[in-house]
């Protein structure tokens, strides 16, 4: 079953155009969505901006995000942005 699921994920990834996901805020909602996306799509690049630097550090340490951004404007390069 696991091999079959991995194959489906590979096929789904070939069809997807979204690979770079951004978050403006990692509070209760943003943090929960980011963690769920990381669990389902572990290879996607997840970036986030949050004025709370401790939230960004924790998300990086936990492996929820790949990049902590210094401004909201930096989210412009993402394929999908959660505000």
C-alpha atoms as a PDB file:
ATOM      1  CA  UNK A   1       0.000   0.000   0.000  1.00  0.00           C
ATOM      2  CA  UNK A   2       2.807   2.434   0.843  1.00  0.00           C
ATOM      3  CA  UNK A   3       4.465   1.973  -2.571  1.00  0.00           C
ATOM      4  CA  UNK A   4       1.146   2.623  -4.274  1.00  0.00           C
ATOM      5  CA  UNK A   5       0.629   5.845  -2.291  1.00  0.00           C
ATOM      6  CA  UNK A   6       4.134   7.062  -3.149  1.00  0.00           C
ATOM      7  CA  UNK A   7       3.466   6.379  -6.826  1.00  0.00           C
ATOM      8  CA  UNK A   8       0.224   8.369  -6.628  1.00  0.00           C
ATOM      9  CA  UNK A   9       2.042  11.268  -4.985  1.00  0.00           C
ATOM     10  CA  UNK A  10       4.650  11.244  -7.765  1.00  0.00           C
ATOM     11  CA  UNK A  11       1.946  11.277 -10.434  1.00  0.00           C
ATOM     12  CA  UNK A  12       0.056  14.032  -8.633  1.00  0.00           C
ATOM     13  CA  UNK A  13       3.256  16.086  -8.344  1.00  0.00           C
ATOM     14  CA  UNK A  14       3.814  15.878 -12.087  1.00  0.00           C
ATOM     15  CA  UNK A  15       0.376  17.443 -12.617  1.00  0.00           C
ATOM     16  CA  UNK A  16       0.733  20.155  -9.955  1.00  0.00           C
ATOM     17  CA  UNK A  17       2.114  23.555 -10.786  1.00  0.00           C
ATOM     18  CA  UNK A  18       2.332  24.726  -7.167  1.00  0.00           C
ATOM     19  CA  UNK A  19       5.664  23.993  -5.519  1.00  0.00           C
ATOM     20  CA  UNK A  20       6.515  27.218  -3.698  1.00  0.00           C
ATOM     21  CA  UNK A  21       4.004  28.074  -0.963  1.00  0.00           C
ATOM     22  CA  UNK A  22       4.056  31.228   1.134  1.00  0.00           C
ATOM     23  CA  UNK A  23       2.449  32.254   4.405  1.00  0.00           C
ATOM     24  CA  UNK A  24       1.870  35.741   5.750  1.00  0.00           C
ATOM     25  CA  UNK A  25       1.573  34.817   9.389  1.00  0.00           C
ATOM     26  CA  UNK A  26       2.134  31.586  11.275  1.00  0.00           C
ATOM     27  CA  UNK A  27      -0.503  31.982  13.938  1.00  0.00           C
ATOM     28  CA  UNK A  28      -3.074  29.340  14.768  1.00  0.00           C
ATOM     29  CA  UNK A  29      -4.546  29.130  11.267  1.00  0.00           C
ATOM     30  CA  UNK A  30      -1.438  29.794   9.158  1.00  0.00           C
ATOM     31  CA  UNK A  31       0.756  27.543  11.269  1.00  0.00           C
ATOM     32  CA  UNK A  32      -1.781  24.706  11.157  1.00  0.00           C
ATOM     33  CA  UNK A  33      -2.178  24.924   7.381  1.00  0.00           C
ATOM     34  CA  UNK A  34       1.602  25.112   6.868  1.00  0.00           C
ATOM     35  CA  UNK A  35       2.130  22.012   9.034  1.00  0.00           C
ATOM     36  CA  UNK A  36      -0.596  20.099   7.157  1.00  0.00           C
ATOM     37  CA  UNK A  37       0.909  21.010   3.778  1.00  0.00           C
ATOM     38  CA  UNK A  38       4.366  19.959   4.998  1.00  0.00           C
ATOM     39  CA  UNK A  39       2.948  16.567   6.055  1.00  0.00           C
ATOM     40  CA  UNK A  40       1.258  15.932   2.694  1.00  0.00           C
ATOM     41  CA  UNK A  41       3.849  17.558   0.409  1.00  0.00           C
ATOM     42  CA  UNK A  42       7.195  17.290   2.225  1.00  0.00           C
ATOM     43  CA  UNK A  43       9.222  18.314  -0.839  1.00  0.00           C
ATOM     44  CA  UNK A  44       7.423  21.609  -1.483  1.00  0.00           C
ATOM     45  CA  UNK A  45       9.218  24.817  -0.540  1.00  0.00           C
ATOM     46  CA  UNK A  46       7.338  26.587   2.249  1.00  0.00           C
ATOM     47  CA  UNK A  47       8.260  30.200   3.025  1.00  0.00           C
ATOM     48  CA  UNK A  48       6.750  32.456   5.646  1.00  0.00           C
ATOM     49  CA  UNK A  49       6.741  35.983   6.921  1.00  0.00           C
ATOM     50  CA  UNK A  50       5.642  36.779  10.447  1.00  0.00           C
ATOM     51  CA  UNK A  51       6.436  39.869  12.518  1.00  0.00           C
ATOM     52  CA  UNK A  52       6.951  37.491  15.461  1.00  0.00           C
ATOM     53  CA  UNK A  53      10.522  36.292  14.927  1.00  0.00           C
ATOM     54  CA  UNK A  54      10.111  33.608  17.597  1.00  0.00           C
ATOM     55  CA  UNK A  55       7.286  32.054  15.552  1.00  0.00           C
ATOM     56  CA  UNK A  56       9.533  31.955  12.470  1.00  0.00           C
ATOM     57  CA  UNK A  57      12.421  30.418  14.424  1.00  0.00           C
ATOM     58  CA  UNK A  58      10.153  27.762  15.910  1.00  0.00           C
ATOM     59  CA  UNK A  59       8.651  26.896  12.511  1.00  0.00           C
ATOM     60  CA  UNK A  60      12.152  26.575  10.988  1.00  0.00           C
ATOM     61  CA  UNK A  61      13.376  24.466  13.918  1.00  0.00           C
ATOM     62  CA  UNK A  62      10.319  22.178  13.662  1.00  0.00           C
ATOM     63  CA  UNK A  63      10.799  21.787   9.895  1.00  0.00           C
ATOM     64  CA  UNK A  64       7.447  23.363   9.070  1.00  0.00           C
ATOM     65  CA  UNK A  65       8.969  26.059   6.854  1.00  0.00           C
ATOM     66  CA  UNK A  66      12.085  26.106   4.697  1.00  0.00           C
ATOM     67  CA  UNK A  67      12.661  29.857   4.608  1.00  0.00           C
ATOM     68  CA  UNK A  68      11.841  32.682   6.974  1.00  0.00           C
ATOM     69  CA  UNK A  69      11.233  35.914   5.071  1.00  0.00           C
ATOM     70  CA  UNK A  70      12.009  39.430   6.209  1.00  0.00           C
ATOM     71  CA  UNK A  71       9.028  41.122   4.566  1.00  0.00           C
ATOM     72  CA  UNK A  72       5.609  40.401   3.103  1.00  0.00           C
ATOM     73  CA  UNK A  73       6.847  41.616  -0.288  1.00  0.00           C
ATOM     74  CA  UNK A  74       9.174  38.618  -0.516  1.00  0.00           C
ATOM     75  CA  UNK A  75       6.094  36.379  -0.802  1.00  0.00           C
ATOM     76  CA  UNK A  76       5.590  37.668  -4.360  1.00  0.00           C
ATOM     77  CA  UNK A  77       7.770  34.861  -5.745  1.00  0.00           C
ATOM     78  CA  UNK A  78       5.487  32.153  -4.324  1.00  0.00           C
ATOM     79  CA  UNK A  79       3.064  30.147  -6.471  1.00  0.00           C
ATOM     80  CA  UNK A  80       0.429  30.204  -3.723  1.00  0.00           C
ATOM     81  CA  UNK A  81       0.158  32.595  -0.775  1.00  0.00           C
ATOM     82  CA  UNK A  82      -1.917  32.231   2.378  1.00  0.00           C
ATOM     83  CA  UNK A  83      -2.801  35.548   4.061  1.00  0.00           C
END
